[in-house]
C-alpha atoms as a PDB file:
ATOM      1  CA  MET A   1       2.732   0.514 -16.493  1.00  0.00           C
ATOM      2  CA  ARG A   2       1.844   3.565 -14.824  1.00  0.00           C
ATOM      3  CA  LEU A   3       3.918   5.051 -11.810  1.00  0.00           C
ATOM      4  CA  GLY A   4       2.534   6.477  -8.656  1.00  0.00           C
ATOM      5  CA  TYR A   5       4.135   7.180  -5.367  1.00  0.00           C
ATOM      6  CA  HIS A   6       2.775   7.014  -1.568  1.00  0.00           C
ATOM      7  CA  SER A   7       2.518  10.130   0.378  1.00  0.00           C
ATOM      8  CA  ILE A   8       3.700   8.100   3.382  1.00  0.00           C
ATOM      9  CA  THR A   9       7.619   9.586   3.460  1.00  0.00           C
ATOM     10  CA  TRP A  10       6.227  13.306   3.933  1.00  0.00           C
ATOM     11  CA  GLY A  11       5.862  11.962   7.732  1.00  0.00           C
ATOM     12  CA  GLY A  12       5.599   8.727   8.300  1.00  0.00           C
ATOM     13  CA  VAL A  13       2.866   6.907   9.540  1.00  0.00           C
ATOM     14  CA  THR A  14       0.891   7.630  13.004  1.00  0.00           C
ATOM     15  CA  GLY A  15      -2.568   6.163  14.210  1.00  0.00           C
ATOM     16  CA  ALA A  16      -5.167   7.978  15.350  1.00  0.00           C
ATOM     17  CA  ALA A  17      -5.137   8.502  19.224  1.00  0.00           C
ATOM     18  CA  GLY A  18      -8.761   8.219  19.379  1.00  0.00           C
ATOM     19  CA  GLY A  19      -8.552   4.373  18.293  1.00  0.00           C
ATOM     20  CA  VAL A  20      -6.542   3.487  21.517  1.00  0.00           C
ATOM     21  CA  THR A  21     -10.382   3.440  23.446  1.00  0.00           C
ATOM     22  CA  SER A  22     -12.132   3.518  20.054  1.00  0.00           C
ATOM     23  CA  VAL A  23     -11.424   0.964  17.546  1.00  0.00           C
ATOM     24  CA  LYS A  24     -14.000   2.181  14.922  1.00  0.00           C
ATOM     25  CA  ASP A  25     -12.122   5.175  15.263  1.00  0.00           C
ATOM     26  CA  LEU A  26      -8.419   3.832  14.616  1.00  0.00           C
ATOM     27  CA  VAL A  27      -6.983   4.421  10.900  1.00  0.00           C
ATOM     28  CA  TYR A  28      -3.790   5.344   9.538  1.00  0.00           C
ATOM     29  CA  ARG A  29      -2.140   9.095   8.849  1.00  0.00           C
ATOM     30  CA  VAL A  30       0.411  11.057   8.145  1.00  0.00           C
ATOM     31  CA  PRO A  31       0.944  13.816  10.019  1.00  0.00           C
ATOM     32  CA  GLY A  32       3.084  15.921   7.206  1.00  0.00           C
ATOM     33  CA  ASP A  33       1.206  18.547   4.662  1.00  0.00           C
ATOM     34  CA  MET A  34      -0.328  16.303   2.083  1.00  0.00           C
ATOM     35  CA  HIS A  35      -0.998  19.432  -0.085  1.00  0.00           C
ATOM     36  CA  ARG A  36       2.617  19.477  -0.125  1.00  0.00           C
ATOM     37  CA  ALA A  37       3.325  15.920  -0.707  1.00  0.00           C
ATOM     38  CA  LEU A  38       1.143  15.329  -3.671  1.00  0.00           C
ATOM     39  CA  ARG A  39       2.501  18.579  -5.321  1.00  0.00           C
ATOM     40  CA  GLU A  40       6.280  17.291  -4.720  1.00  0.00           C
ATOM     41  CA  ILE A  41       5.036  13.794  -6.021  1.00  0.00           C
ATOM     42  CA  SER A  42       3.745  15.204  -9.042  1.00  0.00           C
ATOM     43  CA  ALA A  43       6.978  17.346  -9.751  1.00  0.00           C
ATOM     44  CA  ALA A  44       9.261  14.166  -9.375  1.00  0.00           C
ATOM     45  CA  GLY A  45       7.484  12.780 -12.235  1.00  0.00           C
ATOM     46  CA  TYR A  46       4.747  10.462 -10.467  1.00  0.00           C
ATOM     47  CA  ARG A  47       0.908  10.557 -12.157  1.00  0.00           C
ATOM     48  CA  GLY A  48      -0.241   8.752  -9.216  1.00  0.00           C
ATOM     49  CA  VAL A  49      -0.728   9.205  -5.204  1.00  0.00           C
ATOM     50  CA  GLU A  50      -1.463   6.305  -2.709  1.00  0.00           C
ATOM     51  CA  MET A  51      -2.680   7.590   0.741  1.00  0.00           C
ATOM     52  CA  PHE A  52      -3.541   6.205   4.131  1.00  0.00           C
ATOM     53  CA  ASP A  53      -7.477   6.246   5.157  1.00  0.00           C
ATOM     54  CA  GLY A  54      -6.950   8.742   7.836  1.00  0.00           C
ATOM     55  CA  ASN A  55      -5.573  11.499   5.369  1.00  0.00           C
ATOM     56  CA  VAL A  56      -8.247  10.449   2.809  1.00  0.00           C
ATOM     57  CA  ARG A  57     -11.006  10.586   5.619  1.00  0.00           C
ATOM     58  CA  GLU A  58      -9.398  14.189   6.892  1.00  0.00           C
ATOM     59  CA  PHE A  59     -10.024  15.703   2.591  1.00  0.00           C
ATOM     60  CA  ALA A  60     -13.424  13.692   3.035  1.00  0.00           C
ATOM     61  CA  GLU A  61     -14.564  16.625   5.417  1.00  0.00           C
ATOM     62  CA  PHE A  62     -14.368  19.395   2.200  1.00  0.00           C
ATOM     63  CA  ALA A  63     -17.035  19.945  -0.187  1.00  0.00           C
ATOM     64  CA  ASP A  64     -15.444  18.628  -3.186  1.00  0.00           C
ATOM     65  CA  ASP A  65     -14.993  22.080  -5.140  1.00  0.00           C
ATOM     66  CA  ASP A  66     -13.603  23.666  -2.074  1.00  0.00           C
ATOM     67  CA  ALA A  67      -9.912  25.097  -2.516  1.00  0.00           C
ATOM     68  CA  ALA A  68      -8.595  22.484   0.008  1.00  0.00           C
ATOM     69  CA  SER A  69     -10.276  19.532  -1.091  1.00  0.00           C
ATOM     70  CA  LEU A  70      -8.557  16.517  -2.719  1.00  0.00           C
ATOM     71  CA  PRO A  71     -10.461  16.787  -6.091  1.00  0.00           C
ATOM     72  CA  ARG A  72      -9.075  20.346  -6.305  1.00  0.00           C
ATOM     73  CA  LEU A  73      -5.588  19.303  -5.285  1.00  0.00           C
ATOM     74  CA  LEU A  74      -5.780  16.379  -7.796  1.00  0.00           C
ATOM     75  CA  ASP A  75      -6.632  18.347 -10.732  1.00  0.00           C
ATOM     76  CA  GLU A  76      -4.111  20.843  -9.495  1.00  0.00           C
ATOM     77  CA  THR A  77      -0.798  18.423  -9.749  1.00  0.00           C
ATOM     78  CA  GLY A  78      -2.626  16.087 -12.504  1.00  0.00           C
ATOM     79  CA  LEU A  79      -2.266  13.299 -10.113  1.00  0.00           C
ATOM     80  CA  SER A  80      -4.717  10.439  -9.720  1.00  0.00           C
ATOM     81  CA  LEU A  81      -5.814   8.688  -6.344  1.00  0.00           C
ATOM     82  CA  VAL A  82      -4.242   5.478  -7.309  1.00  0.00           C
ATOM     83  CA  GLY A  83      -5.559   3.333  -3.996  1.00  0.00           C
ATOM     84  CA  VAL A  84      -6.399   3.777  -0.127  1.00  0.00           C
ATOM     85  CA  TYR A  85      -4.321   1.832   2.410  1.00  0.00           C
ATOM     86  CA  THR A  86      -6.208   0.813   5.477  1.00  0.00           C
ATOM     87  CA  GLY A  87      -5.765  -2.073   7.785  1.00  0.00           C
ATOM     88  CA  ALA A  88      -6.828  -3.905  11.036  1.00  0.00           C
ATOM     89  CA  ASN A  89      -6.108  -7.019  13.617  1.00  0.00           C
ATOM     90  CA  PHE A  90      -8.674  -9.121  11.846  1.00  0.00           C
ATOM     91  CA  VAL A  91      -8.311 -12.006  14.588  1.00  0.00           C
ATOM     92  CA  TYR A  92     -10.458 -10.586  17.731  1.00  0.00           C
ATOM     93  CA  PRO A  93     -13.685 -11.612  16.677  1.00  0.00           C
ATOM     94  CA  ASP A  94     -15.015  -8.968  19.663  1.00  0.00           C
ATOM     95  CA  ILE A  95     -13.784  -6.167  17.635  1.00  0.00           C
ATOM     96  CA  LEU A  96     -14.336  -7.553  14.203  1.00  0.00           C
ATOM     97  CA  ALA A  97     -17.298  -5.768  13.188  1.00  0.00           C
ATOM     98  CA  ASP A  98     -15.886  -2.693  14.370  1.00  0.00           C
ATOM     99  CA  GLU A  99     -12.485  -2.998  12.458  1.00  0.00           C
ATOM    100  CA  LEU A 100     -14.311  -3.583   9.039  1.00  0.00           C
ATOM    101  CA  HIS A 101     -16.896  -0.458   9.951  1.00  0.00           C
ATOM    102  CA  ARG A 102     -13.926   1.258   9.341  1.00  0.00           C
ATOM    103  CA  VAL A 103     -12.629  -0.433   6.332  1.00  0.00           C
ATOM    104  CA  ARG A 104     -15.817   0.348   4.866  1.00  0.00           C
ATOM    105  CA  ARG A 105     -15.378   4.122   5.726  1.00  0.00           C
ATOM    106  CA  ALA A 106     -12.137   3.935   3.876  1.00  0.00           C
ATOM    107  CA  ALA A 107     -13.818   2.388   0.723  1.00  0.00           C
ATOM    108  CA  GLU A 108     -16.327   4.937   0.601  1.00  0.00           C
ATOM    109  CA  ALA A 109     -13.800   7.577   0.729  1.00  0.00           C
ATOM    110  CA  ALA A 110     -11.308   5.793  -1.661  1.00  0.00           C
ATOM    111  CA  ALA A 111     -14.547   5.370  -4.377  1.00  0.00           C
ATOM    112  CA  ARG A 112     -15.657   9.156  -3.877  1.00  0.00           C
ATOM    113  CA  PHE A 113     -11.966  10.063  -4.977  1.00  0.00           C
ATOM    114  CA  GLY A 114     -11.679   7.681  -7.717  1.00  0.00           C
ATOM    115  CA  ALA A 115      -9.544   5.550  -6.331  1.00  0.00           C
ATOM    116  CA  GLY A 116      -9.292   2.201  -7.563  1.00  0.00           C
ATOM    117  CA  GLN A 117      -7.379  -0.081  -4.782  1.00  0.00           C
ATOM    118  CA  LEU A 118      -8.253  -0.767  -1.479  1.00  0.00           C
ATOM    119  CA  VAL A 119      -5.014  -1.644  -0.399  1.00  0.00           C
ATOM    120  CA  VAL A 120      -5.422  -3.943   3.229  1.00  0.00           C
ATOM    121  CA  GLY A 121      -2.733  -4.816   5.707  1.00  0.00           C
ATOM    122  CA  GLY A 122      -2.992  -6.674   9.007  1.00  0.00           C
ATOM    123  CA  GLY A 123      -3.468  -9.712  10.922  1.00  0.00           C
ATOM    124  CA  ALA A 124      -2.449  -9.043  14.562  1.00  0.00           C
ATOM    125  CA  PRO A 125       0.622 -11.637  16.168  1.00  0.00           C
ATOM    126  CA  ARG A 126      -0.591 -11.887  19.800  1.00  0.00           C
ATOM    127  CA  ALA A 127       1.799 -11.287  22.933  1.00  0.00           C
ATOM    128  CA  ASP A 128       1.846 -15.053  23.665  1.00  0.00           C
ATOM    129  CA  GLY A 129       2.399 -15.831  19.461  1.00  0.00           C
ATOM    130  CA  ILE A 130      -0.341 -17.090  16.656  1.00  0.00           C
ATOM    131  CA  ALA A 131      -3.021 -18.868  17.681  1.00  0.00           C
ATOM    132  CA  GLU A 132      -4.603 -21.567  16.469  1.00  0.00           C
ATOM    133  CA  GLY A 133      -7.280 -20.449  13.664  1.00  0.00           C
ATOM    134  CA  ASP A 134      -5.218 -16.835  13.859  1.00  0.00           C
ATOM    135  CA  HIS A 135      -5.031 -17.574  10.014  1.00  0.00           C
ATOM    136  CA  ASP A 136      -8.317 -18.891   9.322  1.00  0.00           C
ATOM    137  CA  ARG A 137      -9.825 -15.912  10.998  1.00  0.00           C
ATOM    138  CA  LEU A 138      -7.558 -13.465   8.860  1.00  0.00           C
ATOM    139  CA  GLY A 139      -8.492 -14.962   5.729  1.00  0.00           C
ATOM    140  CA  GLN A 140     -12.270 -14.828   6.394  1.00  0.00           C
ATOM    141  CA  ALA A 141     -11.837 -11.065   7.371  1.00  0.00           C
ATOM    142  CA  LEU A 142     -10.000 -10.698   3.972  1.00  0.00           C
ATOM    143  CA  ASP A 143     -12.543 -12.376   2.211  1.00  0.00           C
ATOM    144  CA  THR A 144     -15.051  -9.773   3.908  1.00  0.00           C
ATOM    145  CA  VAL A 145     -12.989  -6.710   3.101  1.00  0.00           C
ATOM    146  CA  ASP A 146     -12.748  -8.200  -0.608  1.00  0.00           C
ATOM    147  CA  GLY A 147     -16.478  -8.182  -0.579  1.00  0.00           C
ATOM    148  CA  ILE A 148     -16.839  -4.400   1.153  1.00  0.00           C
ATOM    149  CA  ALA A 149     -14.263  -3.201  -1.569  1.00  0.00           C
ATOM    150  CA  ALA A 150     -16.335  -5.062  -4.605  1.00  0.00           C
ATOM    151  CA  GLU A 151     -19.580  -2.808  -2.995  1.00  0.00           C
ATOM    152  CA  HIS A 152     -17.821   0.392  -3.829  1.00  0.00           C
ATOM    153  CA  GLY A 153     -16.409  -0.409  -7.281  1.00  0.00           C
ATOM    154  CA  LEU A 154     -13.059  -1.593  -5.839  1.00  0.00           C
ATOM    155  CA  SER A 155     -10.380  -4.142  -5.994  1.00  0.00           C
ATOM    156  CA  ALA A 156      -9.175  -4.998  -2.765  1.00  0.00           C
ATOM    157  CA  CYS A 157      -5.462  -6.532  -2.260  1.00  0.00           C
ATOM    158  CA  TYR A 158      -3.638  -7.954   0.783  1.00  0.00           C
ATOM    159  CA  HIS A 159      -0.173  -6.309   1.797  1.00  0.00           C
ATOM    160  CA  PRO A 160       2.224  -8.808   3.691  1.00  0.00           C
ATOM    161  CA  HIS A 161       4.112  -6.755   5.778  1.00  0.00           C
ATOM    162  CA  LEU A 162       6.454  -6.807   9.111  1.00  0.00           C
ATOM    163  CA  GLY A 163       5.216  -7.354  12.195  1.00  0.00           C
ATOM    164  CA  THR A 164       1.925  -9.210  11.415  1.00  0.00           C
ATOM    165  CA  ILE A 165       0.842 -12.896  11.037  1.00  0.00           C
ATOM    166  CA  GLY A 166       1.020 -12.548   7.346  1.00  0.00           C
ATOM    167  CA  GLN A 167       5.050 -11.507   6.797  1.00  0.00           C
ATOM    168  CA  SER A 168       7.372 -14.853   6.254  1.00  0.00           C
ATOM    169  CA  PRO A 169       6.838 -16.862   3.107  1.00  0.00           C
ATOM    170  CA  GLU A 170       4.978 -19.481   4.903  1.00  0.00           C
ATOM    171  CA  GLN A 171       2.741 -16.924   6.744  1.00  0.00           C
ATOM    172  CA  VAL A 172       1.686 -15.241   3.289  1.00  0.00           C
ATOM    173  CA  GLU A 173       0.655 -19.131   1.806  1.00  0.00           C
ATOM    174  CA  ALA A 174      -1.435 -19.576   4.994  1.00  0.00           C
ATOM    175  CA  VAL A 175      -3.290 -16.375   4.476  1.00  0.00           C
ATOM    176  CA  PHE A 176      -3.835 -16.880   0.581  1.00  0.00           C
ATOM    177  CA  GLU A 177      -4.371 -20.739   0.963  1.00  0.00           C
ATOM    178  CA  ARG A 178      -7.533 -19.405   3.341  1.00  0.00           C
ATOM    179  CA  SER A 179      -8.679 -15.964   1.077  1.00  0.00           C
ATOM    180  CA  SER A 180      -9.038 -14.841  -2.309  1.00  0.00           C
ATOM    181  CA  ILE A 181      -8.097 -11.269  -2.076  1.00  0.00           C
ATOM    182  CA  GLY A 182      -5.868  -9.986  -4.383  1.00  0.00           C
ATOM    183  CA  PHE A 183      -2.083  -9.541  -3.723  1.00  0.00           C
ATOM    184  CA  CYS A 184      -0.053  -6.425  -2.980  1.00  0.00           C
ATOM    185  CA  PRO A 185       3.713  -7.291  -3.048  1.00  0.00           C
ATOM    186  CA  ASP A 186       6.143  -5.270  -1.095  1.00  0.00           C
ATOM    187  CA  THR A 187       9.465  -5.774  -2.638  1.00  0.00           C
ATOM    188  CA  ALA A 188      11.351  -4.127   1.053  1.00  0.00           C
ATOM    189  CA  HIS A 189       8.633  -6.051   3.053  1.00  0.00           C
ATOM    190  CA  LEU A 190       8.933  -9.690   1.453  1.00  0.00           C
ATOM    191  CA  ALA A 191      12.948  -9.680   1.290  1.00  0.00           C
ATOM    192  CA  ALA A 192      12.812  -8.582   4.702  1.00  0.00           C
ATOM    193  CA  GLY A 193      10.445 -11.126   6.016  1.00  0.00           C
ATOM    194  CA  GLY A 194      12.582 -13.787   4.698  1.00  0.00           C
ATOM    195  CA  GLY A 195      11.181 -14.073   1.126  1.00  0.00           C
ATOM    196  CA  ASP A 196      12.399 -13.531  -2.411  1.00  0.00           C
ATOM    197  CA  PRO A 197      10.243 -10.976  -3.799  1.00  0.00           C
ATOM    198  CA  ALA A 198      10.485 -12.027  -7.591  1.00  0.00           C
ATOM    199  CA  ALA A 199       9.779 -15.587  -6.924  1.00  0.00           C
ATOM    200  CA  MET A 200       6.988 -14.790  -5.095  1.00  0.00           C
ATOM    201  CA  ILE A 201       5.429 -12.422  -7.270  1.00  0.00           C
ATOM    202  CA  ARG A 202       5.780 -15.363  -9.977  1.00  0.00           C
ATOM    203  CA  ARG A 203       4.397 -17.758  -7.317  1.00  0.00           C
ATOM    204  CA  TYR A 204       1.028 -15.437  -7.026  1.00  0.00           C
ATOM    205  CA  ARG A 205       1.083 -13.778 -10.256  1.00  0.00           C
ATOM    206  CA  ASP A 206      -2.113 -14.393 -10.748  1.00  0.00           C
ATOM    207  CA  ARG A 207      -3.777 -12.685  -7.772  1.00  0.00           C
ATOM    208  CA  ILE A 208      -1.287  -9.213  -8.310  1.00  0.00           C
ATOM    209  CA  ARG A 209      -3.902  -6.590  -8.142  1.00  0.00           C
ATOM    210  CA  HIS A 210      -1.318  -3.885  -6.945  1.00  0.00           C
ATOM    211  CA  VAL A 211       2.615  -3.621  -6.291  1.00  0.00           C
ATOM    212  CA  HIS A 212       4.454  -1.352  -3.607  1.00  0.00           C
ATOM    213  CA  LEU A 213       8.302  -0.582  -4.781  1.00  0.00           C
ATOM    214  CA  LYS A 214      10.942   0.285  -1.971  1.00  0.00           C
ATOM    215  CA  ASP A 215      14.846  -0.995  -1.696  1.00  0.00           C
ATOM    216  CA  LEU A 216      16.099  -2.604   1.094  1.00  0.00           C
ATOM    217  CA  GLY A 217      19.277  -1.961   2.982  1.00  0.00           C
ATOM    218  CA  ALA A 218      21.685  -4.360   3.628  1.00  0.00           C
ATOM    219  CA  ASP A 219      21.381  -4.983   6.934  1.00  0.00           C
ATOM    220  CA  GLY A 220      17.618  -5.861   6.051  1.00  0.00           C
ATOM    221  CA  ALA A 221      15.884  -3.433   7.901  1.00  0.00           C
ATOM    222  CA  THR A 222      16.607  -0.301   6.844  1.00  0.00           C
ATOM    223  CA  PHE A 223      13.840   1.110   3.427  1.00  0.00           C
ATOM    224  CA  LEU A 224      15.761   3.231   0.773  1.00  0.00           C
ATOM    225  CA  PRO A 225      15.089   4.992  -2.511  1.00  0.00           C
ATOM    226  CA  LEU A 226      15.074   2.516  -5.387  1.00  0.00           C
ATOM    227  CA  GLY A 227      18.459   1.448  -6.417  1.00  0.00           C
ATOM    228  CA  ARG A 228      19.831   2.543  -3.186  1.00  0.00           C
ATOM    229  CA  GLY A 229      19.726  -0.776  -1.157  1.00  0.00           C
ATOM    230  CA  GLU A 230      20.760  -4.765  -1.978  1.00  0.00           C
ATOM    231  CA  LEU A 231      17.432  -6.152  -3.805  1.00  0.00           C
ATOM    232  CA  ASP A 232      17.512  -7.588  -7.287  1.00  0.00           C
ATOM    233  CA  LEU A 233      14.789  -4.946  -8.186  1.00  0.00           C
ATOM    234  CA  ASP A 234      15.609  -5.447 -11.850  1.00  0.00           C
ATOM    235  CA  GLY A 235      14.697  -9.073 -10.859  1.00  0.00           C
ATOM    236  CA  VAL A 236      11.581  -7.818  -9.419  1.00  0.00           C
ATOM    237  CA  LEU A 237      10.442  -5.824 -12.515  1.00  0.00           C
ATOM    238  CA  ALA A 238      11.158  -8.643 -14.593  1.00  0.00           C
ATOM    239  CA  ALA A 239       8.644 -10.934 -12.303  1.00  0.00           C
ATOM    240  CA  VAL A 240       6.061  -8.516 -12.926  1.00  0.00           C
ATOM    241  CA  ALA A 241       6.588  -8.233 -16.641  1.00  0.00           C
ATOM    242  CA  ASP A 242       6.471 -12.023 -16.825  1.00  0.00           C
ATOM    243  CA  SER A 243       3.295 -12.219 -14.516  1.00  0.00           C
ATOM    244  CA  GLY A 244       1.383  -9.946 -17.364  1.00  0.00           C
ATOM    245  CA  TYR A 245       0.646  -7.127 -14.610  1.00  0.00           C
ATOM    246  CA  ASP A 246       0.553  -4.070 -16.521  1.00  0.00           C
ATOM    247  CA  ASP A 247      -1.103  -1.200 -13.807  1.00  0.00           C
ATOM    248  CA  TRP A 248       0.210   0.884 -11.266  1.00  0.00           C
ATOM    249  CA  LEU A 249       4.147   0.468  -9.627  1.00  0.00           C
ATOM    250  CA  VAL A 250       3.574   2.544  -6.223  1.00  0.00           C
ATOM    251  CA  VAL A 251       7.194   3.571  -4.482  1.00  0.00           C
ATOM    252  CA  GLU A 252       6.192   3.404  -1.111  1.00  0.00           C
ATOM    253  CA  LEU A 253       9.025   4.652   1.035  1.00  0.00           C
ATOM    254  CA  ASP A 254       8.064   4.891   4.798  1.00  0.00           C
ATOM    255  CA  SER A 255      10.681   7.268   5.854  1.00  0.00           C
ATOM    256  CA  TYR A 256      13.693   8.639   4.266  1.00  0.00           C
ATOM    257  CA  ASP A 257      16.578  10.814   6.476  1.00  0.00           C
ATOM    258  CA  GLY A 258      16.263  14.204   4.049  1.00  0.00           C
ATOM    259  CA  ASP A 259      14.336  15.587   2.045  1.00  0.00           C
ATOM    260  CA  PRO A 260      11.290  13.512   0.880  1.00  0.00           C
ATOM    261  CA  ALA A 261      11.465  15.047  -2.384  1.00  0.00           C
ATOM    262  CA  GLU A 262      14.338  14.007  -3.215  1.00  0.00           C
ATOM    263  CA  ALA A 263      13.879  10.671  -2.051  1.00  0.00           C
ATOM    264  CA  ALA A 264      10.911  10.341  -4.449  1.00  0.00           C
ATOM    265  CA  ARG A 265      13.185  11.962  -7.266  1.00  0.00           C
ATOM    266  CA  ILE A 266      15.818   9.296  -6.671  1.00  0.00           C
ATOM    267  CA  SER A 267      13.261   6.173  -7.029  1.00  0.00           C
ATOM    268  CA  ARG A 268      11.998   8.195 -10.409  1.00  0.00           C
ATOM    269  CA  ALA A 269      15.407   8.255 -11.919  1.00  0.00           C
ATOM    270  CA  TRP A 270      15.787   5.016 -11.511  1.00  0.00           C
ATOM    271  CA  LEU A 271      12.628   3.514 -12.647  1.00  0.00           C
ATOM    272  CA  ASP A 272      13.611   5.405 -15.890  1.00  0.00           C
ATOM    273  CA  GLY A 273      16.602   3.212 -17.015  1.00  0.00           C
ATOM    274  CA  ALA A 274      15.336   0.047 -14.904  1.00  0.00           C
ATOM    275  CA  LEU A 275      11.620   0.182 -16.922  1.00  0.00           C
ATOM    276  CA  ASP A 276      13.748   0.391 -20.295  1.00  0.00           C
ATOM    277  CA  ARG A 277      15.762  -2.474 -19.269  1.00  0.00           C
ATOM    278  CA  ALA A 278      12.519  -4.967 -18.434  1.00  0.00           C
ATOM    279  CA  GLY A 279      11.170  -3.860 -21.643  1.00  0.00           C
ATOM    280  CA  LEU A 280       7.981  -2.055 -19.795  1.00  0.00           C
ATOM    281  CA  THR A 281       6.245   1.164 -21.370  1.00  0.00           C
ATOM    282  CA  VAL A 282       4.921   3.785 -19.042  1.00  0.00           C
ATOM    283  CA  THR A 283       2.311   5.475 -19.473  1.00  0.00           C
ATOM    284  CA  THR A 284       1.572   9.529 -18.343  1.00  0.00           C
ATOM    285  CA  SER A 285      -2.296   9.017 -18.364  1.00  0.00           C
END
């Protein structure tokens, strides 16, 4: 196993304002300092970082040999860019071409900077509920995303997420019945959506391409550093081990009421003991 951390904790997620009027320009981004984030992720003992498409595209404005470039920052910190996260509505035919344009740009940036995974969320819930055919449209779009990723030498995986039509276990099943895209289980989102993360990892073991870890508070809504919540994360790691997956485990904590570097250290310390208990070996390469 290799351990990574998502830069989201250094400011949370925002959307690009231009997306209000231009769907093709809507990206996820963290408003915090990404140079600080990567340095603190490295100092906490992680060897990889996952970033949002908007932040990676901001780095794409620099030449690779520029002092402010992402390759220079990755070299300085000893981190690998593990994956790039993007997403879309995927259920509205009139805007799908522009959304896929955006996904393609994310894939181009991910490939340029050496990422292996294109992590994808989405599937819009409509104001009046899920329309007939929405899961069909989502599944077809995700298969197209899978193809875009492959064109750029990437693996694509779907991240079930609260607030989408891929939230509950039944909805996740509906997505995977209609698409062959890989699976990125997120422990807290799966649990908050009513699922058992370990059971879902076992059920879709052949699809797992990437893993997001975070803990969940007793209220079922608060995301926490590993070991600080109510999830059976030892059981999750056992399920990951049983699945045969042996790649990046990425801690992805949406927010933290305190120093984000502290949150990264808390989760890293928990992982040291938990991985030993699960019989999993960590590589530093």
